[in-house]
Structures are given as structure tokens and as C-alpha cells.
């Protein structure tokens, strides 16, 4: 029996092996700029203490000013980039399992964003252009409040010619899992005429499908209300992990974190139940931290 043990361990290790660039994400990259600011700064730019808005013309100067006036922290942000970043964190090694495509500007914020993606061990390949500055999201912190101002700018300028480059298309082809969606917006686009998440999930499940060999799986999160998954004609609801209200620091990155946790297991061919469990774990960790940030290593089993 003893001689079989190393073989069993070897098989187990081989099952866990994941290849680089197995997960592909594409979306709007933003450089998150976080700083503790004062009320005067909020008032100057007409910001509420706890809010999320898109930048208007009057906010354009604030991204440079926040860097000059306050001590800032930078993070690679934007919903999809957050998700692949969390997936890579959950996986840990090898590095660069997660690939990310998006558009940035040829400027100092773009340079910082590339550095931050690299620090997160994400294989980011940005389309760089000079017409618009790198997309940014200022997180203006006052006490327990966060006022978020997003300037999409270059994030909206992605061109398909970036995909046409041979070295980039090879990365697309190398991927096993692709992530590019959002339930309510998806329902509106499909003309479902309902805002009931269970109904949207069922309708999405029954949409025409090219690949008949594999069942469609539909997963929708609902914040603290639990997660819904449809598989075939079965609909399941999975409760989220309980957390004391006093431990919640910031819920903004919870949805992105769920996706990241889910993808980290999906790319390893784990069961969908395990994927959801990992999603709930990642979201539970991220809401205990400011922004989409996390400890050095996950504690997920």
C-alpha cells in the first residue's frame, strides 16, 4: 500500500495543475485612486460623502488634485479587471492564469495601472491610445464613507484591431474560460420584461444555444439574498456566508469578488456548487476590506 501513496499524491497534484492564460477577461480598466480627503475637497467638487457617480466636466481636475493634496493608494480596478484579479488571488500559482484586455491612455496613470496589474500577477495586455486619458476611479474617503467618482475615458476606447494582433489572438485561443454580463441589463437587452431574478435566470436558461453538448448554467448573485443557479430545469438557491454587520467595511467590490472566486474554481473544472462556495468566500473577504483589496493569501478549502 505504501508504494501507491506517492502515485496517488502525484495524480492529485496533476488534477490541480492550471495553465497560464486559462482565464480570459475583457472590460473597462480603471485605476482606482483611494485617499482620505476632507470635507472641503468634497464640497469643492459637489460630492456627497457616500455616493457613486460618473465624472462630469467639473470633476476632471480632481483626479490630479487628489494625488497632489492627499496620500493616495493605487489599485487595478474596473469590474472585470477586479474579477480576474480576485480569481488570480484565489488561485495564487501559477501566476498569469488570468489574462485581461482593455484600453488605457499613454500617460502616467496608464503606467501605474500596468504596474498594479503586474503586482496582482494578472497578464494584462492593454490597447494604448493617446486620444483619451487612462480611466480612473477616485475613492474619496471621509470617516466610514466613500464617495466614488469614475471617469471612464480611455476605458470606452477599445478597438477590435487589438484582438487582430497575432500575439493577442493567441491568448484568446489559449483560454478555457471567458468572462465578459449583468442580470438586469441582460434582461432588458433580451426583452424579458421582468425584474424577478428567478424568472430572468429561467428565461436565460432557455435561450437558444449553439453548443448542444453542454448544458447552459446560469448564475445570478443577489447581494445578501443569496445566489441563484439554474442547471437544466433545476433552479437552486445558495445562501451567502453570514457576517456581522460591524465587520463590513465596503460592499462595493462584493459582486466582482464573487465572480473572481467563482471563476477561480471554474477554470479548474470544479463543480458549480464549489464555484459558488468560492464566490461567496471571496465576496465575504473583500467586504471586510476597503475597495477590492484582500490579504496576501486566501484561506479557502
C-alpha atoms as a PDB file:
ATOM      1  CA  UNK A   1       0.000   0.000   0.000  1.00  0.00           C
ATOM      2  CA  UNK A   2       2.814   2.406   0.897  1.00  0.00           C
ATOM      3  CA  UNK A   3       4.184   2.370  -2.667  1.00  0.00           C
ATOM      4  CA  UNK A   4       0.840   3.606  -4.013  1.00  0.00           C
ATOM      5  CA  UNK A   5       0.811   6.743  -1.869  1.00  0.00           C
ATOM      6  CA  UNK A   6       3.273   8.838  -3.906  1.00  0.00           C
ATOM      7  CA  UNK A   7       1.371   7.922  -7.084  1.00  0.00           C
ATOM      8  CA  UNK A   8      -1.942   8.994  -5.508  1.00  0.00           C
ATOM      9  CA  UNK A   9      -0.380  12.273  -4.411  1.00  0.00           C
ATOM     10  CA  UNK A  10       1.056  12.808  -7.905  1.00  0.00           C
ATOM     11  CA  UNK A  11      -2.367  12.287  -9.509  1.00  0.00           C
ATOM     12  CA  UNK A  12      -3.886  14.758  -7.054  1.00  0.00           C
ATOM     13  CA  UNK A  13      -1.231  17.357  -7.917  1.00  0.00           C
ATOM     14  CA  UNK A  14      -1.774  16.835 -11.643  1.00  0.00           C
ATOM     15  CA  UNK A  15      -5.504  17.453 -11.194  1.00  0.00           C
ATOM     16  CA  UNK A  16      -4.741  20.806  -9.611  1.00  0.00           C
ATOM     17  CA  UNK A  17      -2.354  21.995 -12.348  1.00  0.00           C
ATOM     18  CA  UNK A  18      -3.686  25.028 -14.204  1.00  0.00           C
ATOM     19  CA  UNK A  19      -2.119  26.560 -17.275  1.00  0.00           C
ATOM     20  CA  UNK A  20      -1.221  30.218 -17.703  1.00  0.00           C
ATOM     21  CA  UNK A  21      -3.773  32.317 -19.607  1.00  0.00           C
ATOM     22  CA  UNK A  22      -6.543  29.761 -18.959  1.00  0.00           C
ATOM     23  CA  UNK A  23      -8.923  32.543 -17.838  1.00  0.00           C
ATOM     24  CA  UNK A  24      -9.703  35.458 -20.167  1.00  0.00           C
ATOM     25  CA  UNK A  25     -11.418  38.681 -19.131  1.00  0.00           C
ATOM     26  CA  UNK A  26     -12.212  41.761 -21.170  1.00  0.00           C
ATOM     27  CA  UNK A  27     -13.713  45.010 -19.901  1.00  0.00           C
ATOM     28  CA  UNK A  28     -13.209  48.604 -18.780  1.00  0.00           C
ATOM     29  CA  UNK A  29      -9.913  49.001 -16.884  1.00  0.00           C
ATOM     30  CA  UNK A  30      -9.801  51.766 -14.280  1.00  0.00           C
ATOM     31  CA  UNK A  31      -7.023  52.887 -11.999  1.00  0.00           C
ATOM     32  CA  UNK A  32      -8.550  53.151  -8.525  1.00  0.00           C
ATOM     33  CA  UNK A  33      -7.130  56.147  -6.655  1.00  0.00           C
ATOM     34  CA  UNK A  34      -8.001  55.923  -2.952  1.00  0.00           C
ATOM     35  CA  UNK A  35      -7.382  58.686  -0.409  1.00  0.00           C
ATOM     36  CA  UNK A  36      -8.705  60.030   2.875  1.00  0.00           C
ATOM     37  CA  UNK A  37      -9.911  63.542   1.987  1.00  0.00           C
ATOM     38  CA  UNK A  38     -11.516  66.447   3.865  1.00  0.00           C
ATOM     39  CA  UNK A  39     -14.987  67.963   3.604  1.00  0.00           C
ATOM     40  CA  UNK A  40     -13.613  70.975   1.720  1.00  0.00           C
ATOM     41  CA  UNK A  41     -12.446  68.658  -1.085  1.00  0.00           C
ATOM     42  CA  UNK A  42     -15.904  67.043  -1.320  1.00  0.00           C
ATOM     43  CA  UNK A  43     -17.593  70.446  -1.317  1.00  0.00           C
ATOM     44  CA  UNK A  44     -15.261  71.828  -3.994  1.00  0.00           C
ATOM     45  CA  UNK A  45     -16.383  69.129  -6.422  1.00  0.00           C
ATOM     46  CA  UNK A  46     -20.001  68.872  -5.214  1.00  0.00           C
ATOM     47  CA  UNK A  47     -19.615  65.321  -3.899  1.00  0.00           C
ATOM     48  CA  UNK A  48     -21.807  63.558  -1.345  1.00  0.00           C
ATOM     49  CA  UNK A  49     -19.991  61.714   1.461  1.00  0.00           C
ATOM     50  CA  UNK A  50     -21.359  58.303   0.385  1.00  0.00           C
ATOM     51  CA  UNK A  51     -22.108  58.070  -3.322  1.00  0.00           C
ATOM     52  CA  UNK A  52     -21.142  56.581  -6.692  1.00  0.00           C
ATOM     53  CA  UNK A  53     -21.188  58.826  -9.755  1.00  0.00           C
ATOM     54  CA  UNK A  54     -19.682  59.167 -13.207  1.00  0.00           C
ATOM     55  CA  UNK A  55     -17.336  62.123 -13.588  1.00  0.00           C
ATOM     56  CA  UNK A  56     -18.678  65.263 -15.254  1.00  0.00           C
ATOM     57  CA  UNK A  57     -16.671  68.128 -16.739  1.00  0.00           C
ATOM     58  CA  UNK A  58     -16.416  69.797 -13.285  1.00  0.00           C
ATOM     59  CA  UNK A  59     -14.675  66.674 -11.874  1.00  0.00           C
ATOM     60  CA  UNK A  60     -11.918  66.364 -14.498  1.00  0.00           C
ATOM     61  CA  UNK A  61      -9.315  68.243 -12.430  1.00  0.00           C
ATOM     62  CA  UNK A  62      -9.969  66.335  -9.213  1.00  0.00           C
ATOM     63  CA  UNK A  63      -8.037  63.207 -10.218  1.00  0.00           C
ATOM     64  CA  UNK A  64      -4.767  65.166 -10.447  1.00  0.00           C
ATOM     65  CA  UNK A  65      -5.642  67.247  -7.373  1.00  0.00           C
ATOM     66  CA  UNK A  66      -6.354  64.268  -5.120  1.00  0.00           C
ATOM     67  CA  UNK A  67      -2.869  62.910  -5.947  1.00  0.00           C
ATOM     68  CA  UNK A  68      -1.205  66.253  -5.198  1.00  0.00           C
ATOM     69  CA  UNK A  69      -3.120  67.057  -1.993  1.00  0.00           C
ATOM     70  CA  UNK A  70      -3.516  63.701  -0.262  1.00  0.00           C
ATOM     71  CA  UNK A  71      -1.705  60.426   0.372  1.00  0.00           C
ATOM     72  CA  UNK A  72      -3.124  58.015  -2.210  1.00  0.00           C
ATOM     73  CA  UNK A  73      -3.171  54.272  -2.783  1.00  0.00           C
ATOM     74  CA  UNK A  74      -3.464  52.876  -6.294  1.00  0.00           C
ATOM     75  CA  UNK A  75      -5.203  49.626  -7.305  1.00  0.00           C
ATOM     76  CA  UNK A  76      -6.018  47.996 -10.632  1.00  0.00           C
ATOM     77  CA  UNK A  77      -9.796  48.386 -10.889  1.00  0.00           C
ATOM     78  CA  UNK A  78     -12.868  48.203 -13.086  1.00  0.00           C
ATOM     79  CA  UNK A  79     -15.401  45.379 -12.665  1.00  0.00           C
ATOM     80  CA  UNK A  80     -13.935  42.717 -14.963  1.00  0.00           C
ATOM     81  CA  UNK A  81     -10.350  43.501 -14.031  1.00  0.00           C
ATOM     82  CA  UNK A  82     -11.328  43.234 -10.344  1.00  0.00           C
ATOM     83  CA  UNK A  83     -12.856  39.809 -11.008  1.00  0.00           C
ATOM     84  CA  UNK A  84      -9.839  38.346 -12.800  1.00  0.00           C
ATOM     85  CA  UNK A  85      -7.588  39.889 -10.140  1.00  0.00           C
ATOM     86  CA  UNK A  86      -9.566  38.110  -7.384  1.00  0.00           C
ATOM     87  CA  UNK A  87      -9.531  34.861  -9.410  1.00  0.00           C
ATOM     88  CA  UNK A  88      -5.747  35.058  -9.699  1.00  0.00           C
ATOM     89  CA  UNK A  89      -5.502  35.738  -5.941  1.00  0.00           C
ATOM     90  CA  UNK A  90      -7.650  32.678  -5.180  1.00  0.00           C
ATOM     91  CA  UNK A  91      -5.524  30.514  -7.499  1.00  0.00           C
ATOM     92  CA  UNK A  92      -2.189  32.008  -6.297  1.00  0.00           C
ATOM     93  CA  UNK A  93       0.080  29.951  -8.571  1.00  0.00           C
ATOM     94  CA  UNK A  94       0.947  29.729 -11.342  1.00  0.00           C
ATOM     95  CA  UNK A  95       0.973  33.483 -11.919  1.00  0.00           C
ATOM     96  CA  UNK A  96      -0.752  34.838 -15.036  1.00  0.00           C
ATOM     97  CA  UNK A  97      -3.559  32.274 -15.139  1.00  0.00           C
ATOM     98  CA  UNK A  98      -5.759  35.339 -15.668  1.00  0.00           C
ATOM     99  CA  UNK A  99      -5.461  37.371 -18.876  1.00  0.00           C
ATOM    100  CA  UNK A 100      -7.085  40.796 -19.206  1.00  0.00           C
ATOM    101  CA  UNK A 101      -7.720  43.022 -22.248  1.00  0.00           C
ATOM    102  CA  UNK A 102      -8.882  46.639 -22.113  1.00  0.00           C
ATOM    103  CA  UNK A 103      -7.948  50.149 -23.197  1.00  0.00           C
ATOM    104  CA  UNK A 104      -5.782  52.732 -21.393  1.00  0.00           C
ATOM    105  CA  UNK A 105      -4.083  56.029 -22.220  1.00  0.00           C
ATOM    106  CA  UNK A 106      -0.400  56.646 -22.842  1.00  0.00           C
ATOM    107  CA  UNK A 107       0.038  58.552 -19.591  1.00  0.00           C
ATOM    108  CA  UNK A 108       1.343  58.227 -16.030  1.00  0.00           C
ATOM    109  CA  UNK A 109      -1.913  56.694 -14.734  1.00  0.00           C
ATOM    110  CA  UNK A 110      -1.693  54.077 -17.507  1.00  0.00           C
ATOM    111  CA  UNK A 111       1.861  53.289 -16.452  1.00  0.00           C
ATOM    112  CA  UNK A 112       0.771  52.882 -12.820  1.00  0.00           C
ATOM    113  CA  UNK A 113      -2.159  50.672 -13.875  1.00  0.00           C
ATOM    114  CA  UNK A 114       0.215  48.365 -15.758  1.00  0.00           C
ATOM    115  CA  UNK A 115       2.411  48.121 -12.654  1.00  0.00           C
ATOM    116  CA  UNK A 116      -0.574  47.344 -10.401  1.00  0.00           C
ATOM    117  CA  UNK A 117      -1.881  44.620 -12.748  1.00  0.00           C
ATOM    118  CA  UNK A 118       1.585  43.098 -12.755  1.00  0.00           C
ATOM    119  CA  UNK A 119       1.723  43.190  -8.948  1.00  0.00           C
ATOM    120  CA  UNK A 120      -1.590  41.279  -8.926  1.00  0.00           C
ATOM    121  CA  UNK A 121       0.069  38.690 -11.262  1.00  0.00           C
ATOM    122  CA  UNK A 122      -2.577  39.298 -13.942  1.00  0.00           C
ATOM    123  CA  UNK A 123      -1.366  39.075 -17.556  1.00  0.00           C
ATOM    124  CA  UNK A 124      -2.804  42.415 -18.718  1.00  0.00           C
ATOM    125  CA  UNK A 125      -2.467  43.387 -22.374  1.00  0.00           C
ATOM    126  CA  UNK A 126      -3.832  46.903 -22.797  1.00  0.00           C
ATOM    127  CA  UNK A 127      -4.677  48.650 -26.029  1.00  0.00           C
ATOM    128  CA  UNK A 128      -2.890  52.000 -25.583  1.00  0.00           C
ATOM    129  CA  UNK A 129      -4.045  55.190 -27.300  1.00  0.00           C
ATOM    130  CA  UNK A 130      -3.413  58.934 -26.913  1.00  0.00           C
ATOM    131  CA  UNK A 131      -6.867  60.441 -27.525  1.00  0.00           C
ATOM    132  CA  UNK A 132      -8.281  59.798 -24.045  1.00  0.00           C
ATOM    133  CA  UNK A 133      -6.558  59.561 -20.631  1.00  0.00           C
ATOM    134  CA  UNK A 134      -6.500  56.303 -18.671  1.00  0.00           C
ATOM    135  CA  UNK A 135      -9.824  55.619 -16.942  1.00  0.00           C
ATOM    136  CA  UNK A 136      -9.764  56.401 -13.232  1.00  0.00           C
ATOM    137  CA  UNK A 137     -11.989  55.968 -10.196  1.00  0.00           C
ATOM    138  CA  UNK A 138     -11.358  58.285  -7.260  1.00  0.00           C
ATOM    139  CA  UNK A 139     -12.409  56.847  -3.897  1.00  0.00           C
ATOM    140  CA  UNK A 140     -12.713  59.868  -1.614  1.00  0.00           C
ATOM    141  CA  UNK A 141     -12.813  58.566   1.947  1.00  0.00           C
ATOM    142  CA  UNK A 142     -14.226  60.587   4.864  1.00  0.00           C
ATOM    143  CA  UNK A 143     -14.645  58.608   8.082  1.00  0.00           C
ATOM    144  CA  UNK A 144     -16.655  55.480   7.225  1.00  0.00           C
ATOM    145  CA  UNK A 145     -17.925  56.982   3.952  1.00  0.00           C
ATOM    146  CA  UNK A 146     -16.616  56.583   0.419  1.00  0.00           C
ATOM    147  CA  UNK A 147     -17.535  58.875  -2.434  1.00  0.00           C
ATOM    148  CA  UNK A 148     -16.671  57.182  -5.740  1.00  0.00           C
ATOM    149  CA  UNK A 149     -16.171  59.199  -8.919  1.00  0.00           C
ATOM    150  CA  UNK A 150     -15.410  57.234 -12.086  1.00  0.00           C
ATOM    151  CA  UNK A 151     -14.001  58.767 -15.258  1.00  0.00           C
ATOM    152  CA  UNK A 152     -14.219  56.008 -17.899  1.00  0.00           C
ATOM    153  CA  UNK A 153     -12.275  57.984 -20.548  1.00  0.00           C
ATOM    154  CA  UNK A 154      -9.930  55.533 -22.350  1.00  0.00           C
ATOM    155  CA  UNK A 155     -11.841  52.524 -20.976  1.00  0.00           C
ATOM    156  CA  UNK A 156     -14.508  53.282 -23.617  1.00  0.00           C
ATOM    157  CA  UNK A 157     -11.998  53.412 -26.496  1.00  0.00           C
ATOM    158  CA  UNK A 158     -11.099  49.756 -27.025  1.00  0.00           C
ATOM    159  CA  UNK A 159     -10.610  48.825 -30.690  1.00  0.00           C
ATOM    160  CA  UNK A 160     -11.032  45.352 -32.172  1.00  0.00           C
ATOM    161  CA  UNK A 161      -7.753  45.738 -34.065  1.00  0.00           C
ATOM    162  CA  UNK A 162      -6.069  44.978 -30.725  1.00  0.00           C
ATOM    163  CA  UNK A 163      -7.593  41.486 -30.952  1.00  0.00           C
ATOM    164  CA  UNK A 164      -6.316  41.113 -34.513  1.00  0.00           C
ATOM    165  CA  UNK A 165      -2.678  41.179 -33.387  1.00  0.00           C
ATOM    166  CA  UNK A 166      -1.398  37.621 -33.654  1.00  0.00           C
ATOM    167  CA  UNK A 167       0.161  37.533 -30.175  1.00  0.00           C
ATOM    168  CA  UNK A 168      -3.111  38.763 -28.617  1.00  0.00           C
ATOM    169  CA  UNK A 169      -5.369  36.381 -30.517  1.00  0.00           C
ATOM    170  CA  UNK A 170      -3.159  33.501 -29.393  1.00  0.00           C
ATOM    171  CA  UNK A 171      -4.015  34.436 -25.785  1.00  0.00           C
ATOM    172  CA  UNK A 172      -7.725  34.409 -26.644  1.00  0.00           C
ATOM    173  CA  UNK A 173      -7.375  30.958 -28.189  1.00  0.00           C
ATOM    174  CA  UNK A 174      -5.367  29.668 -25.236  1.00  0.00           C
ATOM    175  CA  UNK A 175      -8.131  30.482 -22.747  1.00  0.00           C
ATOM    176  CA  UNK A 176     -10.542  27.847 -21.436  1.00  0.00           C
ATOM    177  CA  UNK A 177     -12.927  30.206 -19.612  1.00  0.00           C
ATOM    178  CA  UNK A 178     -14.081  33.635 -20.841  1.00  0.00           C
ATOM    179  CA  UNK A 179     -15.739  36.306 -18.724  1.00  0.00           C
ATOM    180  CA  UNK A 180     -17.422  39.253 -20.285  1.00  0.00           C
ATOM    181  CA  UNK A 181     -22.550  40.477 -18.030  1.00  0.00           C
ATOM    182  CA  UNK A 182     -25.052  41.680 -15.554  1.00  0.00           C
ATOM    183  CA  UNK A 183     -28.542  40.284 -14.909  1.00  0.00           C
ATOM    184  CA  UNK A 184     -30.858  43.315 -15.066  1.00  0.00           C
ATOM    185  CA  UNK A 185     -29.073  44.871 -18.072  1.00  0.00           C
ATOM    186  CA  UNK A 186     -29.016  41.472 -19.791  1.00  0.00           C
ATOM    187  CA  UNK A 187     -32.777  41.054 -19.169  1.00  0.00           C
ATOM    188  CA  UNK A 188     -33.522  44.478 -20.663  1.00  0.00           C
ATOM    189  CA  UNK A 189     -31.418  43.720 -23.742  1.00  0.00           C
ATOM    190  CA  UNK A 190     -33.185  40.387 -24.214  1.00  0.00           C
ATOM    191  CA  UNK A 191     -36.658  41.947 -23.734  1.00  0.00           C
ATOM    192  CA  UNK A 192     -37.555  39.604 -20.843  1.00  0.00           C
ATOM    193  CA  UNK A 193     -39.985  42.175 -19.331  1.00  0.00           C
ATOM    194  CA  UNK A 194     -39.334  41.085 -15.751  1.00  0.00           C
ATOM    195  CA  UNK A 195     -37.062  42.174 -12.924  1.00  0.00           C
ATOM    196  CA  UNK A 196     -37.598  38.978 -10.934  1.00  0.00           C
ATOM    197  CA  UNK A 197     -34.148  37.358 -10.760  1.00  0.00           C
ATOM    198  CA  UNK A 198     -35.550  33.799 -10.643  1.00  0.00           C
ATOM    199  CA  UNK A 199     -37.595  34.470 -13.779  1.00  0.00           C
ATOM    200  CA  UNK A 200     -34.628  36.096 -15.547  1.00  0.00           C
ATOM    201  CA  UNK A 201     -32.489  33.049 -14.685  1.00  0.00           C
ATOM    202  CA  UNK A 202     -35.106  30.636 -16.083  1.00  0.00           C
ATOM    203  CA  UNK A 203     -35.540  32.681 -19.268  1.00  0.00           C
ATOM    204  CA  UNK A 204     -31.775  32.982 -19.767  1.00  0.00           C
ATOM    205  CA  UNK A 205     -31.504  29.207 -19.296  1.00  0.00           C
ATOM    206  CA  UNK A 206     -33.974  28.570 -22.110  1.00  0.00           C
ATOM    207  CA  UNK A 207     -32.359  30.875 -24.709  1.00  0.00           C
ATOM    208  CA  UNK A 208     -31.126  29.173 -27.922  1.00  0.00           C
ATOM    209  CA  UNK A 209     -27.701  27.580 -27.560  1.00  0.00           C
ATOM    210  CA  UNK A 210     -25.133  26.699 -30.241  1.00  0.00           C
ATOM    211  CA  UNK A 211     -23.238  24.044 -28.291  1.00  0.00           C
ATOM    212  CA  UNK A 212     -25.745  21.265 -27.596  1.00  0.00           C
ATOM    213  CA  UNK A 213     -23.141  19.013 -25.952  1.00  0.00           C
ATOM    214  CA  UNK A 214     -23.067  21.021 -22.750  1.00  0.00           C
ATOM    215  CA  UNK A 215     -25.896  22.366 -20.625  1.00  0.00           C
ATOM    216  CA  UNK A 216     -26.092  26.099 -20.051  1.00  0.00           C
ATOM    217  CA  UNK A 217     -25.506  27.138 -16.451  1.00  0.00           C
ATOM    218  CA  UNK A 218     -26.916  30.491 -15.315  1.00  0.00           C
ATOM    219  CA  UNK A 219     -25.711  32.075 -12.063  1.00  0.00           C
ATOM    220  CA  UNK A 220     -27.064  35.344 -10.638  1.00  0.00           C
ATOM    221  CA  UNK A 221     -25.992  36.948  -7.369  1.00  0.00           C
ATOM    222  CA  UNK A 222     -28.395  38.999  -5.234  1.00  0.00           C
ATOM    223  CA  UNK A 223     -26.125  40.523  -2.607  1.00  0.00           C
ATOM    224  CA  UNK A 224     -27.062  39.273   0.859  1.00  0.00           C
ATOM    225  CA  UNK A 225     -30.150  37.471  -0.514  1.00  0.00           C
ATOM    226  CA  UNK A 226     -28.133  34.504  -1.774  1.00  0.00           C
ATOM    227  CA  UNK A 227     -27.158  33.204  -5.195  1.00  0.00           C
ATOM    228  CA  UNK A 228     -29.384  31.574  -7.806  1.00  0.00           C
ATOM    229  CA  UNK A 229     -28.161  28.902 -10.205  1.00  0.00           C
ATOM    230  CA  UNK A 230     -30.112  27.156 -12.965  1.00  0.00           C
ATOM    231  CA  UNK A 231     -28.878  23.915 -14.461  1.00  0.00           C
ATOM    232  CA  UNK A 232     -31.183  22.172 -16.894  1.00  0.00           C
ATOM    233  CA  UNK A 233     -34.691  22.569 -15.444  1.00  0.00           C
ATOM    234  CA  UNK A 234     -33.415  22.777 -11.862  1.00  0.00           C
ATOM    235  CA  UNK A 235     -33.174  26.079 -10.001  1.00  0.00           C
ATOM    236  CA  UNK A 236     -31.125  26.222  -6.810  1.00  0.00           C
ATOM    237  CA  UNK A 237     -30.596  28.986  -4.247  1.00  0.00           C
ATOM    238  CA  UNK A 238     -27.376  29.146  -2.230  1.00  0.00           C
ATOM    239  CA  UNK A 239     -27.231  31.282   0.936  1.00  0.00           C
ATOM    240  CA  UNK A 240     -24.284  33.642   1.367  1.00  0.00           C
ATOM    241  CA  UNK A 241     -21.864  33.347   4.285  1.00  0.00           C
ATOM    242  CA  UNK A 242     -23.065  35.088   7.417  1.00  0.00           C
ATOM    243  CA  UNK A 243     -21.149  38.142   8.561  1.00  0.00           C
ATOM    244  CA  UNK A 244     -21.572  40.510  11.475  1.00  0.00           C
ATOM    245  CA  UNK A 245     -22.657  43.929  10.240  1.00  0.00           C
ATOM    246  CA  UNK A 246     -19.847  45.563  12.245  1.00  0.00           C
ATOM    247  CA  UNK A 247     -17.235  43.622  10.213  1.00  0.00           C
ATOM    248  CA  UNK A 248     -18.389  45.045   6.876  1.00  0.00           C
ATOM    249  CA  UNK A 249     -16.042  47.780   5.660  1.00  0.00           C
ATOM    250  CA  UNK A 250     -17.039  48.225   1.997  1.00  0.00           C
ATOM    251  CA  UNK A 251     -19.553  46.280  -0.119  1.00  0.00           C
ATOM    252  CA  UNK A 252     -18.614  47.906  -3.456  1.00  0.00           C
ATOM    253  CA  UNK A 253     -16.357  45.086  -4.644  1.00  0.00           C
ATOM    254  CA  UNK A 254     -18.551  42.189  -3.466  1.00  0.00           C
ATOM    255  CA  UNK A 255     -20.060  41.326  -6.852  1.00  0.00           C
ATOM    256  CA  UNK A 256     -16.724  41.486  -8.666  1.00  0.00           C
ATOM    257  CA  UNK A 257     -15.179  39.338  -5.924  1.00  0.00           C
ATOM    258  CA  UNK A 258     -17.914  36.707  -6.215  1.00  0.00           C
ATOM    259  CA  UNK A 259     -17.244  36.411  -9.941  1.00  0.00           C
ATOM    260  CA  UNK A 260     -13.500  36.134  -9.279  1.00  0.00           C
ATOM    261  CA  UNK A 261     -13.940  33.390  -6.692  1.00  0.00           C
ATOM    262  CA  UNK A 262     -16.366  31.538  -8.974  1.00  0.00           C
ATOM    263  CA  UNK A 263     -14.008  31.751 -11.973  1.00  0.00           C
ATOM    264  CA  UNK A 264     -11.027  30.567  -9.921  1.00  0.00           C
ATOM    265  CA  UNK A 265     -12.741  27.204  -9.462  1.00  0.00           C
ATOM    266  CA  UNK A 266     -14.447  27.032 -12.856  1.00  0.00           C
ATOM    267  CA  UNK A 267     -11.080  27.254 -14.594  1.00  0.00           C
ATOM    268  CA  UNK A 268     -10.004  24.234 -12.514  1.00  0.00           C
ATOM    269  CA  UNK A 269     -13.079  22.205 -13.578  1.00  0.00           C
ATOM    270  CA  UNK A 270     -14.536  22.144 -10.066  1.00  0.00           C
ATOM    271  CA  UNK A 271     -18.257  21.539  -9.508  1.00  0.00           C
ATOM    272  CA  UNK A 272     -20.577  24.528  -9.861  1.00  0.00           C
ATOM    273  CA  UNK A 273     -21.502  24.171  -6.206  1.00  0.00           C
ATOM    274  CA  UNK A 274     -17.787  24.533  -5.362  1.00  0.00           C
ATOM    275  CA  UNK A 275     -17.558  27.546  -7.700  1.00  0.00           C
ATOM    276  CA  UNK A 276     -20.418  29.269  -5.860  1.00  0.00           C
ATOM    277  CA  UNK A 277     -18.869  28.415  -2.484  1.00  0.00           C
ATOM    278  CA  UNK A 278     -15.606  30.031  -3.616  1.00  0.00           C
ATOM    279  CA  UNK A 279     -17.526  33.054  -4.900  1.00  0.00           C
ATOM    280  CA  UNK A 280     -19.227  33.510  -1.547  1.00  0.00           C
ATOM    281  CA  UNK A 281     -15.885  33.125   0.244  1.00  0.00           C
ATOM    282  CA  UNK A 282     -14.152  35.754  -1.918  1.00  0.00           C
ATOM    283  CA  UNK A 283     -17.023  38.236  -1.524  1.00  0.00           C
ATOM    284  CA  UNK A 284     -17.011  37.657   2.244  1.00  0.00           C
ATOM    285  CA  UNK A 285     -13.288  38.513   2.376  1.00  0.00           C
ATOM    286  CA  UNK A 286     -13.486  41.585   0.130  1.00  0.00           C
ATOM    287  CA  UNK A 287     -16.336  43.281   2.040  1.00  0.00           C
ATOM    288  CA  UNK A 288     -14.096  43.268   5.123  1.00  0.00           C
ATOM    289  CA  UNK A 289     -11.572  45.470   3.276  1.00  0.00           C
ATOM    290  CA  UNK A 290     -11.676  48.915   1.688  1.00  0.00           C
ATOM    291  CA  UNK A 291     -12.017  48.706  -2.101  1.00  0.00           C
ATOM    292  CA  UNK A 292     -11.402  45.462  -3.983  1.00  0.00           C
ATOM    293  CA  UNK A 293      -8.400  44.532  -1.823  1.00  0.00           C
ATOM    294  CA  UNK A 294      -7.536  41.366   0.062  1.00  0.00           C
ATOM    295  CA  UNK A 295      -4.929  39.743   2.336  1.00  0.00           C
ATOM    296  CA  UNK A 296      -1.781  38.211   0.837  1.00  0.00           C
ATOM    297  CA  UNK A 297      -3.231  34.686   0.617  1.00  0.00           C
ATOM    298  CA  UNK A 298      -6.732  33.199   0.671  1.00  0.00           C
ATOM    299  CA  UNK A 299      -7.858  30.700   3.301  1.00  0.00           C
ATOM    300  CA  UNK A 300     -10.308  28.758   1.137  1.00  0.00           C
ATOM    301  CA  UNK A 301     -10.624  24.977   1.359  1.00  0.00           C
END
